Amino acid sequence: MKKLFLLLLTAFLFIGCSSDDDTIYDYIGTWSGKYTGSDDGTWNLVVASDGKVTGTMHSTVNDENYNISGNLTDTGDLTAVIGLPSDGEFKGTLSREKNGNGNWSNAVPTPARSGTWTGNKQ
């Protein structure tokens, strides 16, 4: 009887656990890609275990670097600012399939610029 109980308990635990549970650990690491629009260039960022995001954008048009800092949720929603203090936004979604996309805007240098970004986990 104990063996049957343990077998049923084990089966229940396997059924009750899901590998699709949202967790930040799927996103931790280095991500990079390109951005386009009224400016273009490359971007790199690192997702930490607490969801903090830090990185840079490099403009190939102006040959300048801009800081990126923000947060990522357990579901992959990215909300970050460009510049210190904030001069723009870098928002979008990172996926468990190791790709991401979103929109960006930057008020420095004037005139304000904006566009889209895409990238992958390294």
PDB file of N, CA and C in Angstrom:
ATOM      1  N   MET A   1       0.811  -1.186   0.000  1.00  0.00           N
ATOM      2  CA  MET A   1       0.000   0.000   0.000  1.00  0.00           C
ATOM      3  C   MET A   1       0.864   1.263   0.000  1.00  0.00           C
ATOM      4  N   LYS A   2       1.973   1.231   0.756  1.00  0.00           N
ATOM      5  CA  LYS A   2       2.868   2.387   0.790  1.00  0.00           C
ATOM      6  C   LYS A   2       3.459   2.653  -0.592  1.00  0.00           C
ATOM      7  N   LYS A   3       3.804   1.596  -1.310  1.00  0.00           N
ATOM      8  CA  LYS A   3       4.381   1.765  -2.645  1.00  0.00           C
ATOM      9  C   LYS A   3       3.380   2.407  -3.588  1.00  0.00           C
ATOM     10  N   LEU A   4       2.117   1.995  -3.500  1.00  0.00           N
ATOM     11  CA  LEU A   4       1.074   2.579  -4.337  1.00  0.00           C
ATOM     12  C   LEU A   4       0.888   4.054  -3.995  1.00  0.00           C
ATOM     13  N   PHE A   5       0.881   4.362  -2.709  1.00  0.00           N
ATOM     14  CA  PHE A   5       0.746   5.760  -2.283  1.00  0.00           C
ATOM     15  C   PHE A   5       1.909   6.607  -2.808  1.00  0.00           C
ATOM     16  N   LEU A   6       3.138   6.102  -2.662  1.00  0.00           N
ATOM     17  CA  LEU A   6       4.304   6.839  -3.153  1.00  0.00           C
ATOM     18  C   LEU A   6       4.263   7.000  -4.662  1.00  0.00           C
ATOM     19  N   LEU A   7       3.817   5.985  -5.371  1.00  0.00           N
ATOM     20  CA  LEU A   7       3.704   6.070  -6.831  1.00  0.00           C
ATOM     21  C   LEU A   7       2.688   7.129  -7.234  1.00  0.00           C
ATOM     22  N   LEU A   8       1.534   7.144  -6.572  1.00  0.00           N
ATOM     23  CA  LEU A   8       0.519   8.158  -6.873  1.00  0.00           C
ATOM     24  C   LEU A   8       1.000   9.556  -6.502  1.00  0.00           C
ATOM     25  N   LEU A   9       1.680   9.676  -5.372  1.00  0.00           N
ATOM     26  CA  LEU A   9       2.200  10.978  -4.961  1.00  0.00           C
ATOM     27  C   LEU A   9       3.226  11.490  -5.973  1.00  0.00           C
ATOM     28  N   THR A  10       4.114  10.632  -6.414  1.00  0.00           N
ATOM     29  CA  THR A  10       5.121  11.018  -7.404  1.00  0.00           C
ATOM     30  C   THR A  10       4.465  11.444  -8.703  1.00  0.00           C
ATOM     31  N   ALA A  11       3.465  10.680  -9.150  1.00  0.00           N
ATOM     32  CA  ALA A  11       2.757  11.038 -10.381  1.00  0.00           C
ATOM     33  C   ALA A  11       2.068  12.387 -10.238  1.00  0.00           C
ATOM     34  N   PHE A  12       1.453  12.625  -9.094  1.00  0.00           N
ATOM     35  CA  PHE A  12       0.787  13.893  -8.846  1.00  0.00           C
ATOM     36  C   PHE A  12       1.772  15.061  -8.888  1.00  0.00           C
ATOM     37  N   LEU A  13       2.940  14.880  -8.307  1.00  0.00           N
ATOM     38  CA  LEU A  13       3.952  15.937  -8.307  1.00  0.00           C
ATOM     39  C   LEU A  13       4.421  16.260  -9.718  1.00  0.00           C
ATOM     40  N   PHE A  14       4.606  15.238 -10.544  1.00  0.00           N
ATOM     41  CA  PHE A  14       5.031  15.478 -11.925  1.00  0.00           C
ATOM     42  C   PHE A  14       3.952  16.196 -12.716  1.00  0.00           C
ATOM     43  N   ILE A  15       2.697  15.837 -12.487  1.00  0.00           N
ATOM     44  CA  ILE A  15       1.593  16.483 -13.193  1.00  0.00           C
ATOM     45  C   ILE A  15       1.418  17.916 -12.707  1.00  0.00           C
ATOM     46  N   GLY A  16       1.608  18.149 -11.424  1.00  0.00           N
ATOM     47  CA  GLY A  16       1.408  19.471 -10.843  1.00  0.00           C
ATOM     48  C   GLY A  16       2.507  20.457 -11.166  1.00  0.00           C
ATOM     49  N   CYS A  17       3.687  19.985 -11.530  1.00  0.00           N
ATOM     50  CA  CYS A  17       4.804  20.866 -11.859  1.00  0.00           C
ATOM     51  C   CYS A  17       4.811  21.138 -13.353  1.00  0.00           C
ATOM     52  N   SER A  18       5.109  22.347 -13.700  1.00  0.00           N
ATOM     53  CA  SER A  18       5.139  22.721 -15.110  1.00  0.00           C
ATOM     54  C   SER A  18       6.449  23.402 -15.427  1.00  0.00           C
ATOM     55  N   SER A  19       7.018  23.097 -16.577  1.00  0.00           N
ATOM     56  CA  SER A  19       8.254  23.751 -17.000  1.00  0.00           C
ATOM     57  C   SER A  19       7.978  25.125 -17.592  1.00  0.00           C
ATOM     58  N   ASP A  20       6.691  25.495 -17.746  1.00  0.00           N
ATOM     59  CA  ASP A  20       6.329  26.776 -18.320  1.00  0.00           C
ATOM     60  C   ASP A  20       6.166  27.867 -17.267  1.00  0.00           C
ATOM     61  N   ASP A  21       6.459  27.552 -15.998  1.00  0.00           N
ATOM     62  CA  ASP A  21       6.339  28.551 -14.948  1.00  0.00           C
ATOM     63  C   ASP A  21       7.232  29.741 -15.278  1.00  0.00           C
ATOM     64  N   ASP A  22       6.704  30.956 -15.075  1.00  0.00           N
ATOM     65  CA  ASP A  22       7.467  32.160 -15.357  1.00  0.00           C
ATOM     66  C   ASP A  22       8.584  32.316 -14.339  1.00  0.00           C
ATOM     67  N   THR A  23       9.788  32.535 -14.842  1.00  0.00           N
ATOM     68  CA  THR A  23      10.936  32.745 -13.968  1.00  0.00           C
ATOM     69  C   THR A  23      11.943  33.636 -14.679  1.00  0.00           C
ATOM     70  N   ILE A  24      12.585  34.499 -13.942  1.00  0.00           N
ATOM     71  CA  ILE A  24      13.571  35.421 -14.498  1.00  0.00           C
ATOM     72  C   ILE A  24      14.809  34.680 -14.988  1.00  0.00           C
ATOM     73  N   TYR A  25      15.040  33.474 -14.477  1.00  0.00           N
ATOM     74  CA  TYR A  25      16.259  32.741 -14.802  1.00  0.00           C
ATOM     75  C   TYR A  25      16.372  32.388 -16.283  1.00  0.00           C
ATOM     76  N   ASP A  26      15.254  32.333 -16.985  1.00  0.00           N
ATOM     77  CA  ASP A  26      15.296  32.064 -18.425  1.00  0.00           C
ATOM     78  C   ASP A  26      15.928  33.209 -19.212  1.00  0.00           C
ATOM     79  N   TYR A  27      15.988  34.393 -18.625  1.00  0.00           N
ATOM     80  CA  TYR A  27      16.453  35.589 -19.331  1.00  0.00           C
ATOM     81  C   TYR A  27      17.832  36.067 -18.891  1.00  0.00           C
ATOM     82  N   ILE A  28      18.350  35.551 -17.791  1.00  0.00           N
ATOM     83  CA  ILE A  28      19.629  36.027 -17.261  1.00  0.00           C
ATOM     84  C   ILE A  28      20.733  35.818 -18.290  1.00  0.00           C
ATOM     85  N   GLY A  29      21.544  36.869 -18.479  1.00  0.00           N
ATOM     86  CA  GLY A  29      22.670  36.774 -19.395  1.00  0.00           C
ATOM     87  C   GLY A  29      22.769  37.986 -20.295  1.00  0.00           C
ATOM     88  N   THR A  30      23.568  37.843 -21.339  1.00  0.00           N
ATOM     89  CA  THR A  30      23.849  38.928 -22.272  1.00  0.00           C
ATOM     90  C   THR A  30      22.952  38.832 -23.502  1.00  0.00           C
ATOM     91  N   TRP A  31      22.381  39.948 -23.872  1.00  0.00           N
ATOM     92  CA  TRP A  31      21.535  40.075 -25.058  1.00  0.00           C
ATOM     93  C   TRP A  31      22.122  41.180 -25.930  1.00  0.00           C
ATOM     94  N   SER A  32      21.996  41.055 -27.243  1.00  0.00           N
ATOM     95  CA  SER A  32      22.487  42.100 -28.137  1.00  0.00           C
ATOM     96  C   SER A  32      21.714  42.079 -29.446  1.00  0.00           C
ATOM     97  N   GLY A  33      21.821  43.193 -30.171  1.00  0.00           N
ATOM     98  CA  GLY A  33      21.126  43.286 -31.443  1.00  0.00           C
ATOM     99  C   GLY A  33      21.347  44.622 -32.111  1.00  0.00           C
ATOM    100  N   LYS A  34      20.423  44.945 -33.013  1.00  0.00           N
ATOM    101  CA  LYS A  34      20.498  46.180 -33.785  1.00  0.00           C
ATOM    102  C   LYS A  34      19.248  47.010 -33.559  1.00  0.00           C
ATOM    103  N   TYR A  35      19.402  48.311 -33.734  1.00  0.00           N
ATOM    104  CA  TYR A  35      18.235  49.180 -33.711  1.00  0.00           C
ATOM    105  C   TYR A  35      18.241  50.041 -34.962  1.00  0.00           C
ATOM    106  N   THR A  36      17.048  50.383 -35.438  1.00  0.00           N
ATOM    107  CA  THR A  36      16.885  51.173 -36.651  1.00  0.00           C
ATOM    108  C   THR A  36      15.800  52.218 -36.427  1.00  0.00           C
ATOM    109  N   GLY A  37      15.683  53.128 -37.362  1.00  0.00           N
ATOM    110  CA  GLY A  37      14.697  54.203 -37.296  1.00  0.00           C
ATOM    111  C   GLY A  37      15.355  55.491 -37.732  1.00  0.00           C
ATOM    112  N   SER A  38      15.120  56.564 -36.984  1.00  0.00           N
ATOM    113  CA  SER A  38      15.743  57.841 -37.310  1.00  0.00           C
ATOM    114  C   SER A  38      17.198  57.894 -36.845  1.00  0.00           C
ATOM    115  N   ASP A  39      17.694  56.821 -36.271  1.00  0.00           N
ATOM    116  CA  ASP A  39      19.097  56.581 -35.933  1.00  0.00           C
ATOM    117  C   ASP A  39      19.270  55.077 -36.040  1.00  0.00           C
ATOM    118  N   ASP A  40      20.470  54.610 -36.173  1.00  0.00           N
ATOM    119  CA  ASP A  40      20.668  53.164 -36.169  1.00  0.00           C
ATOM    120  C   ASP A  40      21.999  52.820 -35.538  1.00  0.00           C
ATOM    121  N   GLY A  41      22.080  51.569 -35.115  1.00  0.00           N
ATOM    122  CA  GLY A  41      23.298  51.109 -34.469  1.00  0.00           C
ATOM    123  C   GLY A  41      23.092  49.766 -33.805  1.00  0.00           C
ATOM    124  N   THR A  42      23.906  49.507 -32.792  1.00  0.00           N
ATOM    125  CA  THR A  42      23.854  48.238 -32.072  1.00  0.00           C
ATOM    126  C   THR A  42      23.552  48.492 -30.609  1.00  0.00           C
ATOM    127  N   TRP A  43      23.076  47.468 -29.931  1.00  0.00           N
ATOM    128  CA  TRP A  43      22.820  47.555 -28.503  1.00  0.00           C
ATOM    129  C   TRP A  43      23.258  46.257 -27.842  1.00  0.00           C
ATOM    130  N   ASN A  44      23.626  46.362 -26.574  1.00  0.00           N
ATOM    131  CA  ASN A  44      23.997  45.222 -25.734  1.00  0.00           C
ATOM    132  C   ASN A  44      23.444  45.467 -24.359  1.00  0.00           C
ATOM    133  N   LEU A  45      22.918  44.421 -23.723  1.00  0.00           N
ATOM    134  CA  LEU A  45      22.497  44.565 -22.341  1.00  0.00           C
ATOM    135  C   LEU A  45      22.645  43.247 -21.604  1.00  0.00           C
ATOM    136  N   VAL A  46      22.729  43.372 -20.285  1.00  0.00           N
ATOM    137  CA  VAL A  46      22.869  42.217 -19.405  1.00  0.00           C
ATOM    138  C   VAL A  46      21.677  42.202 -18.463  1.00  0.00           C
ATOM    139  N   VAL A  47      21.030  41.029 -18.365  1.00  0.00           N
ATOM    140  CA  VAL A  47      19.932  40.830 -17.424  1.00  0.00           C
ATOM    141  C   VAL A  47      20.498  40.101 -16.212  1.00  0.00           C
ATOM    142  N   ALA A  48      20.346  40.708 -15.036  1.00  0.00           N
ATOM    143  CA  ALA A  48      20.832  40.121 -13.780  1.00  0.00           C
ATOM    144  C   ALA A  48      19.740  39.257 -13.143  1.00  0.00           C
ATOM    145  N   SER A  49      20.115  38.489 -12.135  1.00  0.00           N
ATOM    146  CA  SER A  49      19.182  37.566 -11.486  1.00  0.00           C
ATOM    147  C   SER A  49      18.039  38.270 -10.754  1.00  0.00           C
ATOM    148  N   ASP A  50      18.205  39.550 -10.435  1.00  0.00           N
ATOM    149  CA  ASP A  50      17.128  40.295  -9.782  1.00  0.00           C
ATOM    150  C   ASP A  50      16.253  41.046 -10.783  1.00  0.00           C
ATOM    151  N   GLY A  51      16.496  40.846 -12.093  1.00  0.00           N
ATOM    152  CA  GLY A  51      15.706  41.501 -13.132  1.00  0.00           C
ATOM    153  C   GLY A  51      16.238  42.847 -13.568  1.00  0.00           C
ATOM    154  N   LYS A  52      17.301  43.323 -12.932  1.00  0.00           N
ATOM    155  CA  LYS A  52      17.900  44.598 -13.338  1.00  0.00           C
ATOM    156  C   LYS A  52      18.571  44.434 -14.698  1.00  0.00           C
ATOM    157  N   VAL A  53      18.428  45.457 -15.519  1.00  0.00           N
ATOM    158  CA  VAL A  53      18.991  45.456 -16.869  1.00  0.00           C
ATOM    159  C   VAL A  53      19.928  46.641 -17.004  1.00  0.00           C
ATOM    160  N   THR A  54      21.148  46.394 -17.499  1.00  0.00           N
ATOM    161  CA  THR A  54      22.100  47.467 -17.779  1.00  0.00           C
ATOM    162  C   THR A  54      22.741  47.195 -19.128  1.00  0.00           C
ATOM    163  N   GLY A  55      23.057  48.267 -19.848  1.00  0.00           N
ATOM    164  CA  GLY A  55      23.691  48.080 -21.144  1.00  0.00           C
ATOM    165  C   GLY A  55      23.967  49.387 -21.846  1.00  0.00           C
ATOM    166  N   THR A  56      24.229  49.297 -23.151  1.00  0.00           N
ATOM    167  CA  THR A  56      24.530  50.468 -23.962  1.00  0.00           C
ATOM    168  C   THR A  56      23.925  50.341 -25.350  1.00  0.00           C
ATOM    169  N   MET A  57      23.691  51.485 -25.950  1.00  0.00           N
ATOM    170  CA  MET A  57      23.367  51.595 -27.373  1.00  0.00           C
ATOM    171  C   MET A  57      24.531  52.334 -28.012  1.00  0.00           C
ATOM    172  N   HIS A  58      24.966  51.886 -29.194  1.00  0.00           N
ATOM    173  CA  HIS A  58      26.015  52.599 -29.915  1.00  0.00           C
ATOM    174  C   HIS A  58      25.448  53.068 -31.248  1.00  0.00           C
ATOM    175  N   SER A  59      25.406  54.380 -31.431  1.00  0.00           N
ATOM    176  CA  SER A  59      24.909  54.978 -32.666  1.00  0.00           C
ATOM    177  C   SER A  59      25.997  54.943 -33.729  1.00  0.00           C
ATOM    178  N   THR A  60      25.719  54.306 -34.865  1.00  0.00           N
ATOM    179  CA  THR A  60      26.669  54.338 -35.976  1.00  0.00           C
ATOM    180  C   THR A  60      26.553  55.647 -36.751  1.00  0.00           C
ATOM    181  N   VAL A  61      25.448  56.372 -36.570  1.00  0.00           N
ATOM    182  CA  VAL A  61      25.251  57.663 -37.232  1.00  0.00           C
ATOM    183  C   VAL A  61      26.062  58.753 -36.534  1.00  0.00           C
ATOM    184  N   ASN A  62      25.961  58.834 -35.208  1.00  0.00           N
ATOM    185  CA  ASN A  62      26.629  59.879 -34.423  1.00  0.00           C
ATOM    186  C   ASN A  62      27.911  59.404 -33.749  1.00  0.00           C
ATOM    187  N   ASP A  63      28.232  58.119 -33.853  1.00  0.00           N
ATOM    188  CA  ASP A  63      29.391  57.525 -33.194  1.00  0.00           C
ATOM    189  C   ASP A  63      29.418  57.873 -31.704  1.00  0.00           C
ATOM    190  N   GLU A  64      28.239  57.674 -31.044  1.00  0.00           N
ATOM    191  CA  GLU A  64      28.100  57.946 -29.621  1.00  0.00           C
ATOM    192  C   GLU A  64      27.506  56.733 -28.924  1.00  0.00           C
ATOM    193  N   ASN A  65      27.774  56.610 -27.616  1.00  0.00           N
ATOM    194  CA  ASN A  65      27.200  55.561 -26.789  1.00  0.00           C
ATOM    195  C   ASN A  65      26.184  56.163 -25.831  1.00  0.00           C
ATOM    196  N   TYR A  66      25.106  55.403 -25.574  1.00  0.00           N
ATOM    197  CA  TYR A  66      24.063  55.821 -24.653  1.00  0.00           C
ATOM    198  C   TYR A  66      23.809  54.680 -23.668  1.00  0.00           C
ATOM    199  N   ASN A  67      23.709  55.006 -22.379  1.00  0.00           N
ATOM    200  CA  ASN A  67      23.447  53.999 -21.349  1.00  0.00           C
ATOM    201  C   ASN A  67      22.002  53.525 -21.404  1.00  0.00           C
ATOM    202  N   ILE A  68      21.806  52.244 -21.111  1.00  0.00           N
ATOM    203  CA  ILE A  68      20.471  51.658 -20.959  1.00  0.00           C
ATOM    204  C   ILE A  68      20.394  51.106 -19.535  1.00  0.00           C
ATOM    205  N   SER A  69      19.313  51.419 -18.806  1.00  0.00           N
ATOM    206  CA  SER A  69      19.110  50.840 -17.474  1.00  0.00           C
ATOM    207  C   SER A  69      17.618  50.679 -17.227  1.00  0.00           C
ATOM    208  N   GLY A  70      17.263  49.556 -16.596  1.00  0.00           N
ATOM    209  CA  GLY A  70      15.850  49.311 -16.332  1.00  0.00           C
ATOM    210  C   GLY A  70      15.618  47.983 -15.667  1.00  0.00           C
ATOM    211  N   ASN A  71      14.449  47.415 -15.946  1.00  0.00           N
ATOM    212  CA  ASN A  71      14.020  46.168 -15.313  1.00  0.00           C
ATOM    213  C   ASN A  71      13.327  45.251 -16.311  1.00  0.00           C
ATOM    214  N   LEU A  72      13.400  43.961 -16.009  1.00  0.00           N
ATOM    215  CA  LEU A  72      12.729  42.934 -16.795  1.00  0.00           C
ATOM    216  C   LEU A  72      11.834  42.135 -15.859  1.00  0.00           C
ATOM    217  N   THR A  73      10.602  41.868 -16.295  1.00  0.00           N
ATOM    218  CA  THR A  73       9.686  41.074 -15.479  1.00  0.00           C
ATOM    219  C   THR A  73       9.917  39.584 -15.731  1.00  0.00           C
ATOM    220  N   ASP A  74       9.290  38.751 -14.904  1.00  0.00           N
ATOM    221  CA  ASP A  74       9.377  37.297 -15.064  1.00  0.00           C
ATOM    222  C   ASP A  74       8.779  36.816 -16.379  1.00  0.00           C
ATOM    223  N   THR A  75       7.936  37.629 -17.000  1.00  0.00           N
ATOM    224  CA  THR A  75       7.318  37.255 -18.267  1.00  0.00           C
ATOM    225  C   THR A  75       8.051  37.831 -19.480  1.00  0.00           C
ATOM    226  N   GLY A  76       9.180  38.531 -19.244  1.00  0.00           N
ATOM    227  CA  GLY A  76       9.999  39.036 -20.336  1.00  0.00           C
ATOM    228  C   GLY A  76       9.702  40.446 -20.797  1.00  0.00           C
ATOM    229  N   ASP A  77       8.865  41.180 -20.059  1.00  0.00           N
ATOM    230  CA  ASP A  77       8.570  42.568 -20.419  1.00  0.00           C
ATOM    231  C   ASP A  77       9.715  43.472 -19.958  1.00  0.00           C
ATOM    232  N   LEU A  78      10.314  44.172 -20.916  1.00  0.00           N
ATOM    233  CA  LEU A  78      11.461  45.035 -20.656  1.00  0.00           C
ATOM    234  C   LEU A  78      11.023  46.491 -20.634  1.00  0.00           C
ATOM    235  N   THR A  79      11.373  47.185 -19.555  1.00  0.00           N
ATOM    236  CA  THR A  79      11.129  48.614 -19.435  1.00  0.00           C
ATOM    237  C   THR A  79      12.430  49.253 -18.984  1.00  0.00           C
ATOM    238  N   ALA A  80      13.020  50.069 -19.857  1.00  0.00           N
ATOM    239  CA  ALA A  80      14.306  50.688 -19.540  1.00  0.00           C
ATOM    240  C   ALA A  80      14.330  52.119 -20.049  1.00  0.00           C
ATOM    241  N   VAL A  81      15.276  52.884 -19.525  1.00  0.00           N
ATOM    242  CA  VAL A  81      15.490  54.256 -19.976  1.00  0.00           C
ATOM    243  C   VAL A  81      16.847  54.338 -20.669  1.00  0.00           C
ATOM    244  N   ILE A  82      16.957  55.317 -21.537  1.00  0.00           N
ATOM    245  CA  ILE A  82      18.207  55.599 -22.241  1.00  0.00           C
ATOM    246  C   ILE A  82      18.770  56.882 -21.664  1.00  0.00           C
ATOM    247  N   GLY A  83      20.047  56.856 -21.306  1.00  0.00           N
ATOM    248  CA  GLY A  83      20.710  58.040 -20.769  1.00  0.00           C
ATOM    249  C   GLY A  83      20.580  58.143 -19.264  1.00  0.00           C
ATOM    250  N   LEU A  84      21.492  58.906 -18.692  1.00  0.00           N
ATOM    251  CA  LEU A  84      21.484  59.169 -17.260  1.00  0.00           C
ATOM    252  C   LEU A  84      21.659  60.664 -17.058  1.00  0.00           C
ATOM    253  N   PRO A  85      20.696  61.454 -16.691  1.00  0.00           N
ATOM    254  CA  PRO A  85      19.320  61.056 -16.404  1.00  0.00           C
ATOM    255  C   PRO A  85      18.591  60.644 -17.675  1.00  0.00           C
ATOM    256  N   SER A  86      17.395  60.150 -17.535  1.00  0.00           N
ATOM    257  CA  SER A  86      16.635  59.593 -18.639  1.00  0.00           C
ATOM    258  C   SER A  86      16.405  60.592 -19.764  1.00  0.00           C
ATOM    259  N   ASP A  87      16.860  60.208 -20.969  1.00  0.00           N
ATOM    260  CA  ASP A  87      16.621  61.015 -22.166  1.00  0.00           C
ATOM    261  C   ASP A  87      15.702  60.297 -23.141  1.00  0.00           C
ATOM    262  N   GLY A  88      15.375  59.037 -22.852  1.00  0.00           N
ATOM    263  CA  GLY A  88      14.534  58.271 -23.754  1.00  0.00           C
ATOM    264  C   GLY A  88      14.116  56.949 -23.145  1.00  0.00           C
ATOM    265  N   GLU A  89      13.541  56.086 -23.989  1.00  0.00           N
ATOM    266  CA  GLU A  89      13.029  54.803 -23.535  1.00  0.00           C
ATOM    267  C   GLU A  89      13.528  53.671 -24.430  1.00  0.00           C
ATOM    268  N   PHE A  90      13.662  52.502 -23.835  1.00  0.00           N
ATOM    269  CA  PHE A  90      14.020  51.265 -24.528  1.00  0.00           C
ATOM    270  C   PHE A  90      13.083  50.206 -23.966  1.00  0.00           C
ATOM    271  N   LYS A  91      12.002  49.916 -24.701  1.00  0.00           N
ATOM    272  CA  LYS A  91      10.966  49.020 -24.199  1.00  0.00           C
ATOM    273  C   LYS A  91      10.713  47.895 -25.190  1.00  0.00           C
ATOM    274  N   GLY A  92      10.259  46.757 -24.656  1.00  0.00           N
ATOM    275  CA  GLY A  92       9.921  45.644 -25.526  1.00  0.00           C
ATOM    276  C   GLY A  92       9.765  44.362 -24.753  1.00  0.00           C
ATOM    277  N   THR A  93      10.006  43.249 -25.458  1.00  0.00           N
ATOM    278  CA  THR A  93       9.814  41.930 -24.887  1.00  0.00           C
ATOM    279  C   THR A  93      10.978  41.020 -25.242  1.00  0.00           C
ATOM    280  N   LEU A  94      11.478  40.301 -24.249  1.00  0.00           N
ATOM    281  CA  LEU A  94      12.453  39.237 -24.465  1.00  0.00           C
ATOM    282  C   LEU A  94      11.704  37.917 -24.310  1.00  0.00           C
ATOM    283  N   SER A  95      12.044  36.936 -25.148  1.00  0.00           N
ATOM    284  CA  SER A  95      11.315  35.672 -25.117  1.00  0.00           C
ATOM    285  C   SER A  95      12.189  34.526 -24.620  1.00  0.00           C
ATOM    286  N   ARG A  96      11.539  33.455 -24.204  1.00  0.00           N
ATOM    287  CA  ARG A  96      12.259  32.252 -23.793  1.00  0.00           C
ATOM    288  C   ARG A  96      12.935  31.579 -24.984  1.00  0.00           C
ATOM    289  N   GLU A  97      12.525  31.941 -26.191  1.00  0.00           N
ATOM    290  CA  GLU A  97      13.152  31.403 -27.404  1.00  0.00           C
ATOM    291  C   GLU A  97      14.424  32.163 -27.752  1.00  0.00           C
ATOM    292  N   LYS A  98      14.876  33.028 -26.834  1.00  0.00           N
ATOM    293  CA  LYS A  98      16.143  33.757 -26.930  1.00  0.00           C
ATOM    294  C   LYS A  98      16.156  34.837 -28.004  1.00  0.00           C
ATOM    295  N   ASN A  99      14.994  35.466 -28.269  1.00  0.00           N
ATOM    296  CA  ASN A  99      14.978  36.624 -29.146  1.00  0.00           C
ATOM    297  C   ASN A  99      14.139  37.721 -28.501  1.00  0.00           C
ATOM    298  N   GLY A 100      14.281  38.926 -29.002  1.00  0.00           N
ATOM    299  CA  GLY A 100      13.565  40.045 -28.432  1.00  0.00           C
ATOM    300  C   GLY A 100      13.327  41.130 -29.455  1.00  0.00           C
ATOM    301  N   ASN A 101      12.377  42.017 -29.163  1.00  0.00           N
ATOM    302  CA  ASN A 101      12.101  43.152 -30.032  1.00  0.00           C
ATOM    303  C   ASN A 101      11.329  44.200 -29.243  1.00  0.00           C
ATOM    304  N   GLY A 102      11.318  45.407 -29.801  1.00  0.00           N
ATOM    305  CA  GLY A 102      10.605  46.486 -29.144  1.00  0.00           C
ATOM    306  C   GLY A 102      10.838  47.812 -29.820  1.00  0.00           C
ATOM    307  N   ASN A 103      10.582  48.889 -29.073  1.00  0.00           N
ATOM    308  CA  ASN A 103      10.703  50.263 -29.567  1.00  0.00           C
ATOM    309  C   ASN A 103      11.681  51.049 -28.701  1.00  0.00           C
ATOM    310  N   TRP A 104      12.267  52.058 -29.295  1.00  0.00           N
ATOM    311  CA  TRP A 104      13.174  52.938 -28.566  1.00  0.00           C
ATOM    312  C   TRP A 104      12.891  54.380 -28.954  1.00  0.00           C
ATOM    313  N   SER A 105      13.259  55.304 -28.078  1.00  0.00           N
ATOM    314  CA  SER A 105      13.216  56.740 -28.380  1.00  0.00           C
ATOM    315  C   SER A 105      14.328  57.414 -27.595  1.00  0.00           C
ATOM    316  N   ASN A 106      14.871  58.487 -28.154  1.00  0.00           N
ATOM    317  CA  ASN A 106      15.968  59.198 -27.502  1.00  0.00           C
ATOM    318  C   ASN A 106      15.884  60.669 -27.875  1.00  0.00           C
ATOM    319  N   ALA A 107      15.870  61.542 -26.881  1.00  0.00           N
ATOM    320  CA  ALA A 107      15.764  62.979 -27.110  1.00  0.00           C
ATOM    321  C   ALA A 107      17.128  63.647 -27.271  1.00  0.00           C
ATOM    322  N   VAL A 108      18.223  62.908 -27.041  1.00  0.00           N
ATOM    323  CA  VAL A 108      19.564  63.490 -27.120  1.00  0.00           C
ATOM    324  C   VAL A 108      20.365  62.740 -28.170  1.00  0.00           C
ATOM    325  N   PRO A 109      21.082  63.375 -29.073  1.00  0.00           N
ATOM    326  CA  PRO A 109      21.028  64.810 -29.338  1.00  0.00           C
ATOM    327  C   PRO A 109      19.763  65.172 -30.098  1.00  0.00           C
ATOM    328  N   THR A 110      19.414  66.446 -30.056  1.00  0.00           N
ATOM    329  CA  THR A 110      18.203  66.904 -30.740  1.00  0.00           C
ATOM    330  C   THR A 110      18.431  66.883 -32.240  1.00  0.00           C
ATOM    331  N   PRO A 111      17.455  66.676 -33.059  1.00  0.00           N
ATOM    332  CA  PRO A 111      16.064  66.427 -32.697  1.00  0.00           C
ATOM    333  C   PRO A 111      15.879  65.011 -32.161  1.00  0.00           C
ATOM    334  N   ALA A 112      14.765  64.794 -31.471  1.00  0.00           N
ATOM    335  CA  ALA A 112      14.461  63.481 -30.892  1.00  0.00           C
ATOM    336  C   ALA A 112      14.406  62.428 -32.000  1.00  0.00           C
ATOM    337  N   ARG A 113      14.831  61.229 -31.644  1.00  0.00           N
ATOM    338  CA  ARG A 113      14.854  60.119 -32.592  1.00  0.00           C
ATOM    339  C   ARG A 113      14.123  58.935 -32.003  1.00  0.00           C
ATOM    340  N   SER A 114      13.683  58.019 -32.872  1.00  0.00           N
ATOM    341  CA  SER A 114      12.970  56.833 -32.397  1.00  0.00           C
ATOM    342  C   SER A 114      13.001  55.752 -33.465  1.00  0.00           C
ATOM    343  N   GLY A 115      12.593  54.547 -33.067  1.00  0.00           N
ATOM    344  CA  GLY A 115      12.553  53.442 -34.006  1.00  0.00           C
ATOM    345  C   GLY A 115      12.285  52.124 -33.302  1.00  0.00           C
ATOM    346  N   THR A 116      12.754  51.047 -33.908  1.00  0.00           N
ATOM    347  CA  THR A 116      12.537  49.709 -33.371  1.00  0.00           C
ATOM    348  C   THR A 116      13.872  49.022 -33.150  1.00  0.00           C
ATOM    349  N   TRP A 117      13.844  47.949 -32.337  1.00  0.00           N
ATOM    350  CA  TRP A 117      15.044  47.151 -32.102  1.00  0.00           C
ATOM    351  C   TRP A 117      14.701  45.669 -32.145  1.00  0.00           C
ATOM    352  N   THR A 118      15.693  44.858 -32.492  1.00  0.00           N
ATOM    353  CA  THR A 118      15.579  43.403 -32.465  1.00  0.00           C
ATOM    354  C   THR A 118      16.901  42.846 -31.967  1.00  0.00           C
ATOM    355  N   GLY A 119      16.863  41.631 -31.410  1.00  0.00           N
ATOM    356  CA  GLY A 119      18.096  41.037 -30.943  1.00  0.00           C
ATOM    357  C   GLY A 119      17.907  39.635 -30.427  1.00  0.00           C
ATOM    358  N   ASN A 120      18.983  39.079 -29.875  1.00  0.00           N
ATOM    359  CA  ASN A 120      19.020  37.707 -29.395  1.00  0.00           C
ATOM    360  C   ASN A 120      19.865  37.584 -28.143  1.00  0.00           C
ATOM    361  N   LYS A 121      19.598  36.502 -27.399  1.00  0.00           N
ATOM    362  CA  LYS A 121      20.429  36.179 -26.249  1.00  0.00           C
ATOM    363  C   LYS A 121      21.697  35.521 -26.745  1.00  0.00           C
ATOM    364  N   GLN A 122      22.826  35.913 -26.172  1.00  0.00           N
ATOM    365  CA  GLN A 122      24.124  35.377 -26.598  1.00  0.00           C
ATOM    366  C   GLN A 122      24.483  34.123 -25.860  1.00  0.00           C
TER     367      GLN A 122
END
